[in-house]
Amino acid sequence: MNRTRVSILVGMIAILAVVIFLASSGGLPGSSFQYDPSKAVHGQLSGVKALAHVQALVDFGPRPSGSEANIRQQDYIIAELKKLGWTTRRDAFTDKTTRGPIEFANLHARLGEGDSAFSRTAEVLVCSHFDTKYMPGITFVGANDGGSSTGLLIEMARVLAANPDLAERIELVFFDGEEAITSFQVEGLHGSKYLAKKLRALPEGDRPPYAVVFDLIGDKNLNVGIPSNTDLEMSNAVLEAAEELGTRKHFSVLHTEIIDDHQPLHEIGMRVTNLIDMDYKPYWHTSADTMDRITAESIEISGRTGLLFLEKYLLGGRR
């Protein structure tokens, strides 16, 4: 079979997978959310506002897990979300690393005030990591790696609050400890592994069935590749959302796996997708991962596409 016929066949399979996914789901099982274009929020997301949050995070300097700067940025995230009407829980835990035991803290945010905001199980976890890699001797501020996706989630909180019926089905999760001090074969993904362990212990009906992870989504030359170790139907539905918005050239489904915070959730049976741009060399994990390497436009493209996928294709089903 020649390459052209193979490409056509692969494309047809991908389209069929999306159709089956949307037709069978009509939104999440048990979800009563109905997508209403007049109440859609994806178009309200501002890359400029998200970038301002990234700048505030970068201004704290390097923010590796366990550092004072990491704690200060947690306080910033919590304070900003509170202004937007969200309640945040800090879930602290200690884990072993090659630097010895480190105290990590995941942040979980739901729209509303107090404990009542968490009274209902979320249908989708929308995730980012906020830690920067521990790199002694290098000023690594992680504008893109850790910063861009975290700034995006804070901005998502603002626009989601405009549609409480949508927002109440979503939990924002800010992971600590995604970065490995040495290698992922030894450590890393501390926050997502910790959450996965807690979720695994819950009855299946008390677990959010879906998760979306954002990482490295601010690169000027945006090239989001969705890893193969994600849910294929969800990933193809992201491409459908991108096609609708005219952002399709920035998104693709990869034929390779990527180790990131989606993996521990995937391993416990959650359906996950991951929007990540790994085509960030030579700046990735260097002192050159600075604000001048990222743009408001790229964050906005990633955020609007992700939000349309959430509100129309995943929660609401295709209409």
Protein backbone atom coordinates (compact mmCIF):
# COMPACT_ATOMS: atom_id res chain seq x y z
CA MET A 1 0.00 0.00 0.00
CA ASN A 2 1.51 3.37 -0.96
CA ARG A 3 1.95 6.28 1.43
CA THR A 4 -0.93 8.27 -0.05
CA ARG A 5 -3.42 5.44 0.50
CA VAL A 6 -2.05 4.88 4.01
CA SER A 7 -2.46 8.58 4.85
CA ILE A 8 -6.03 8.58 3.53
CA LEU A 9 -6.85 5.45 5.53
CA VAL A 10 -5.34 6.89 8.71
CA GLY A 11 -7.31 10.10 8.20
CA MET A 12 -10.57 8.20 7.70
CA ILE A 13 -9.96 6.17 10.85
CA ALA A 14 -9.27 9.35 12.82
CA ILE A 15 -12.49 10.97 11.60
CA LEU A 16 -14.47 7.81 12.36
CA ALA A 17 -13.01 7.72 15.87
CA VAL A 18 -14.18 11.29 16.50
CA VAL A 19 -17.65 10.54 15.14
CA ILE A 20 -17.98 7.45 17.35
CA PHE A 21 -16.71 9.36 20.37
CA LEU A 22 -19.10 12.25 19.93
CA ALA A 23 -22.07 10.14 18.95
CA SER A 24 -21.62 7.76 21.84
CA SER A 25 -20.97 10.44 24.43
CA GLY A 26 -23.23 13.37 23.57
CA GLY A 27 -21.22 14.92 26.36
CA LEU A 28 -19.97 12.99 29.35
CA PRO A 29 -22.07 10.06 30.57
CA GLY A 30 -24.45 11.45 33.16
CA SER A 31 -23.63 15.06 32.32
CA SER A 32 -26.57 17.38 31.83
CA PHE A 33 -24.48 20.18 30.33
CA GLN A 34 -25.75 21.46 27.00
CA TYR A 35 -23.48 23.48 24.75
CA ASP A 36 -25.06 26.81 23.90
CA PRO A 37 -23.07 28.91 21.38
CA SER A 38 -24.56 32.10 22.84
CA LYS A 39 -22.98 31.25 26.21
CA ALA A 40 -19.67 29.92 24.85
CA VAL A 41 -16.66 31.27 26.72
CA HIS A 42 -13.69 30.13 24.60
CA GLY A 43 -13.74 33.32 22.54
CA GLN A 44 -13.38 35.45 25.69
CA LEU A 45 -10.03 33.99 26.66
CA SER A 46 -7.27 36.58 26.46
CA GLY A 47 -3.69 35.62 25.75
CA VAL A 48 -2.61 39.07 26.93
CA LYS A 49 -4.18 38.53 30.36
CA ALA A 50 -2.69 35.04 30.58
CA LEU A 51 0.74 36.38 29.64
CA ALA A 52 0.53 38.93 32.45
CA HIS A 53 0.12 36.08 34.93
CA VAL A 54 3.11 34.30 33.38
CA GLN A 55 5.17 37.45 33.87
CA ALA A 56 4.14 37.60 37.53
CA LEU A 57 5.24 33.98 38.01
CA VAL A 58 8.55 34.51 36.21
CA ASP A 59 9.21 37.53 38.42
CA PHE A 60 9.50 35.13 41.37
CA GLY A 61 12.57 33.66 39.65
CA PRO A 62 13.37 29.93 39.59
CA ARG A 63 10.56 28.03 41.35
CA PRO A 64 11.68 24.44 41.97
CA SER A 65 9.59 22.32 44.33
CA GLY A 66 10.27 22.98 47.99
CA SER A 67 11.71 26.45 47.39
CA GLU A 68 10.50 29.70 48.94
CA ALA A 69 9.76 31.06 45.47
CA ASN A 70 7.59 28.03 44.76
CA ILE A 71 5.53 28.73 47.88
CA ARG A 72 5.21 32.41 46.97
CA GLN A 73 3.87 31.51 43.54
CA GLN A 74 1.35 29.14 45.14
CA ASP A 75 0.11 32.06 47.23
CA TYR A 76 -0.12 34.18 44.07
CA ILE A 77 -2.18 31.55 42.24
CA ILE A 78 -4.53 31.12 45.20
CA ALA A 79 -4.99 34.89 45.58
CA GLU A 80 -5.68 35.42 41.88
CA LEU A 81 -8.21 32.59 41.77
CA LYS A 82 -9.96 33.98 44.85
CA LYS A 83 -10.43 37.31 43.05
CA LEU A 84 -12.16 35.38 40.28
CA GLY A 85 -14.56 33.57 42.62
CA TRP A 86 -12.69 30.26 42.92
CA THR A 87 -11.82 28.38 46.10
CA THR A 88 -8.43 26.66 46.18
CA ARG A 89 -7.34 23.74 48.34
CA ARG A 90 -3.65 23.21 48.93
CA ASP A 91 -2.87 19.49 49.13
CA ALA A 92 0.62 19.16 50.64
CA PHE A 93 2.62 15.95 50.76
CA THR A 94 6.22 14.84 51.17
CA ASP A 95 7.96 12.59 48.66
CA LYS A 96 11.43 11.14 48.24
CA THR A 97 13.80 12.61 45.67
CA THR A 98 17.49 12.38 44.90
CA ARG A 99 17.83 15.61 46.89
CA GLY A 100 16.17 13.97 49.86
CA PRO A 101 12.55 14.38 51.05
CA ILE A 102 10.80 17.43 49.58
CA GLU A 103 7.44 18.88 50.53
CA PHE A 104 5.25 19.34 47.48
CA ALA A 105 1.78 20.86 47.20
CA ASN A 106 -0.87 20.41 44.52
CA LEU A 107 -3.50 23.13 44.19
CA HIS A 108 -7.13 22.21 43.42
CA ALA A 109 -9.59 24.96 42.50
CA ARG A 110 -13.37 24.94 42.06
CA LEU A 111 -15.72 27.82 41.31
CA GLY A 112 -17.54 28.96 44.45
CA GLU A 113 -16.79 29.74 48.07
CA GLY A 114 -15.66 27.41 50.84
CA ASP A 115 -15.97 23.65 51.07
CA SER A 116 -19.31 23.68 49.26
CA ALA A 117 -17.39 24.39 46.05
CA PHE A 118 -15.97 20.86 46.29
CA SER A 119 -19.24 19.13 47.20
CA ARG A 120 -19.73 17.73 43.70
CA THR A 121 -17.29 15.47 41.86
CA ALA A 122 -15.77 17.27 38.90
CA GLU A 123 -16.35 15.80 35.47
CA VAL A 124 -13.07 17.05 34.00
CA LEU A 125 -9.71 17.94 35.55
CA VAL A 126 -7.92 20.73 33.68
CA CYS A 127 -4.26 20.61 34.66
CA SER A 128 -0.90 22.34 34.50
CA HIS A 129 2.34 22.05 36.48
CA PHE A 130 3.77 25.17 38.11
CA ASP A 131 7.18 24.00 39.34
CA THR A 132 10.38 24.75 37.44
CA LYS A 133 13.20 22.26 37.05
CA TYR A 134 15.90 22.32 39.75
CA MET A 135 18.99 23.50 37.86
CA PRO A 136 21.76 24.70 40.18
CA GLY A 137 24.05 27.24 38.57
CA ILE A 138 21.41 28.17 35.98
CA THR A 139 18.73 30.82 36.30
CA PHE A 140 15.85 28.79 34.94
CA VAL A 141 12.60 30.76 35.22
CA GLY A 142 10.45 28.48 33.04
CA ALA A 143 8.45 31.11 31.15
CA ASN A 144 7.14 28.41 28.83
CA ASP A 145 7.84 25.27 30.86
CA GLY A 146 5.64 25.69 33.88
CA GLY A 147 4.76 29.35 33.36
CA SER A 148 2.71 29.47 30.16
CA SER A 149 0.24 26.73 31.06
CA THR A 150 -0.18 27.99 34.62
CA GLY A 151 -0.91 31.53 33.41
CA LEU A 152 -3.39 29.99 30.97
CA LEU A 153 -5.28 28.13 33.72
CA ILE A 154 -5.63 31.31 35.78
CA GLU A 155 -7.05 33.07 32.73
CA MET A 156 -9.32 30.09 32.08
CA ALA A 157 -10.70 30.55 35.59
CA ARG A 158 -11.71 34.09 34.65
CA VAL A 159 -13.64 33.15 31.52
CA LEU A 160 -15.13 29.96 32.97
CA ALA A 161 -16.65 31.99 35.79
CA ALA A 162 -18.84 33.68 33.14
CA ASN A 163 -20.64 30.35 32.64
CA PRO A 164 -21.09 28.75 36.10
CA ASP A 165 -23.01 25.81 34.64
CA LEU A 166 -19.86 24.92 32.69
CA ALA A 167 -17.38 25.88 35.40
CA GLU A 168 -18.98 23.73 38.11
CA ARG A 169 -18.12 20.63 36.08
CA ILE A 170 -14.43 21.53 35.93
CA GLU A 171 -11.69 21.35 38.53
CA LEU A 172 -8.47 23.22 37.90
CA VAL A 173 -5.43 21.30 39.11
CA PHE A 174 -1.98 22.86 39.46
CA PHE A 175 0.60 20.11 39.89
CA ASP A 176 3.80 20.49 41.85
CA GLY A 177 6.86 18.33 41.20
CA GLU A 178 6.35 17.52 37.53
CA GLU A 179 10.03 18.11 36.80
CA ALA A 180 12.56 15.36 37.48
CA ILE A 181 15.73 16.39 39.29
CA THR A 182 17.67 13.65 37.51
CA SER A 183 15.48 11.65 35.11
CA PHE A 184 11.89 10.46 34.86
CA GLN A 185 13.11 6.91 35.30
CA VAL A 186 14.10 7.88 38.84
CA GLU A 187 11.66 10.63 39.87
CA GLY A 188 9.36 13.37 38.61
CA LEU A 189 5.58 13.60 38.12
CA HIS A 190 5.32 13.72 41.90
CA GLY A 191 2.11 15.73 41.99
CA SER A 192 0.22 13.77 39.36
CA LYS A 193 1.38 10.43 40.80
CA TYR A 194 0.20 11.52 44.23
CA LEU A 195 -3.21 12.54 42.88
CA ALA A 196 -3.53 9.33 40.85
CA LYS A 197 -2.86 7.27 43.97
CA LYS A 198 -5.59 9.14 45.86
CA LEU A 199 -8.07 8.80 43.00
CA ARG A 200 -7.35 5.11 42.57
CA ALA A 201 -8.47 4.54 46.17
CA LEU A 202 -11.89 6.13 45.49
CA PRO A 203 -14.95 4.31 44.16
CA GLU A 204 -15.01 4.69 40.39
CA GLY A 205 -18.10 6.89 40.51
CA ASP A 206 -16.30 9.37 42.73
CA ARG A 207 -13.42 9.89 40.30
CA PRO A 208 -13.45 12.50 37.54
CA PRO A 209 -13.54 10.43 34.33
CA TYR A 210 -11.59 12.87 32.16
CA ALA A 211 -8.48 15.06 32.36
CA VAL A 212 -6.86 17.60 30.05
CA VAL A 213 -3.23 18.60 30.65
CA PHE A 214 -1.59 21.73 29.22
CA ASP A 215 2.21 22.13 29.10
CA LEU A 216 4.66 24.26 27.08
CA ILE A 217 1.93 26.06 25.14
CA GLY A 218 3.45 29.54 24.75
CA ASP A 219 6.21 29.04 22.15
CA LYS A 220 6.27 31.72 19.43
CA ASN A 221 6.40 28.93 16.86
CA LEU A 222 3.48 26.98 18.29
CA ASN A 223 3.44 23.30 17.38
CA VAL A 224 1.25 21.39 19.82
CA GLY A 225 1.71 17.65 19.52
CA ILE A 226 -0.72 15.39 21.40
CA PRO A 227 1.16 12.29 22.64
CA SER A 228 0.13 8.79 21.59
CA ASN A 229 -0.23 7.71 25.24
CA THR A 230 -3.50 9.63 25.51
CA ASP A 231 -7.11 8.88 24.60
CA LEU A 232 -7.28 8.82 20.80
CA GLU A 233 -10.91 9.92 20.53
CA MET A 234 -10.35 12.87 22.84
CA SER A 235 -7.20 13.85 20.99
CA ASN A 236 -8.91 13.75 17.61
CA ALA A 237 -11.77 15.81 19.01
CA VAL A 238 -9.20 18.47 19.96
CA LEU A 239 -8.24 18.54 16.29
CA GLU A 240 -11.91 18.99 15.38
CA ALA A 241 -12.09 21.98 17.72
CA ALA A 242 -8.91 23.39 16.17
CA GLU A 243 -10.35 22.93 12.69
CA GLU A 244 -13.45 24.85 13.72
CA LEU A 245 -11.37 27.75 15.09
CA GLY A 246 -8.95 27.84 12.19
CA THR A 247 -6.01 26.88 14.42
CA ARG A 248 -5.56 23.37 13.02
CA LYS A 249 -2.06 24.05 11.64
CA HIS A 250 -0.79 24.37 15.21
CA PHE A 251 -2.02 20.92 16.35
CA SER A 252 -1.21 17.31 15.54
CA VAL A 253 -1.50 13.85 17.08
CA LEU A 254 1.91 12.26 17.57
CA HIS A 255 2.93 8.65 17.04
CA THR A 256 5.21 8.81 20.09
CA GLU A 257 4.62 8.75 23.82
CA ILE A 258 5.59 11.63 26.12
CA ILE A 259 6.17 11.35 29.84
CA ASP A 260 4.10 14.12 31.44
CA ASP A 261 1.44 14.63 34.10
CA HIS A 262 -1.26 12.91 32.03
CA GLN A 263 0.49 9.54 32.31
CA PRO A 264 -0.30 8.65 35.98
CA LEU A 265 -3.96 9.59 35.40
CA HIS A 266 -4.05 7.53 32.22
CA GLU A 267 -2.65 4.53 34.10
CA ILE A 268 -5.56 4.49 36.58
CA GLY A 269 -8.09 4.38 33.76
CA MET A 270 -8.96 8.04 33.32
CA ARG A 271 -9.44 9.24 29.76
CA VAL A 272 -6.87 11.95 29.16
CA THR A 273 -5.41 14.22 26.54
CA ASN A 274 -2.32 16.42 26.70
CA LEU A 275 -1.70 19.61 24.75
CA ILE A 276 2.08 20.02 24.77
CA ASP A 277 4.61 21.63 22.43
CA MET A 278 7.86 19.69 22.80
CA ASP A 279 9.34 21.42 19.76
CA TYR A 280 10.94 24.06 21.99
CA LYS A 281 14.61 23.37 21.53
CA PRO A 282 17.14 24.90 22.01
CA TYR A 283 15.40 26.78 24.87
CA TRP A 284 13.84 23.88 26.77
CA HIS A 285 15.41 23.42 30.22
CA THR A 286 17.87 26.24 29.68
CA SER A 287 18.29 29.77 31.00
CA ALA A 288 16.87 30.95 27.64
CA ASP A 289 13.31 29.85 28.57
CA THR A 290 12.37 33.48 29.14
CA MET A 291 9.44 35.78 28.41
CA ASP A 292 10.80 36.84 25.02
CA ARG A 293 10.43 33.25 23.77
CA ILE A 294 6.67 33.10 24.28
CA THR A 295 3.70 35.09 23.00
CA ALA A 296 0.20 35.97 24.08
CA GLU A 297 -1.03 34.74 20.69
CA SER A 298 0.27 31.20 21.21
CA ILE A 299 -1.22 30.96 24.69
CA GLU A 300 -4.53 32.27 23.34
CA ILE A 301 -4.58 29.75 20.48
CA SER A 302 -3.89 26.90 22.90
CA GLY A 303 -6.43 28.13 25.44
CA ARG A 304 -9.28 28.89 23.06
CA THR A 305 -8.86 25.58 21.27
CA GLY A 306 -8.74 23.69 24.56
CA LEU A 307 -11.79 25.49 25.92
CA LEU A 308 -13.87 24.91 22.79
CA PHE A 309 -12.96 21.23 23.00
CA LEU A 310 -14.06 21.17 26.65
CA GLU A 311 -17.34 23.04 26.36
CA LYS A 312 -18.57 21.79 23.01
CA TYR A 313 -16.93 18.50 22.13
CA LEU A 314 -16.34 16.88 25.52
CA LEU A 315 -18.82 18.21 28.08
CA GLY A 316 -21.54 19.28 25.68
CA GLY A 317 -21.09 16.80 22.90
CA ARG A 318 -20.99 17.93 19.29
CA ARG A 319 -24.08 19.88 18.34
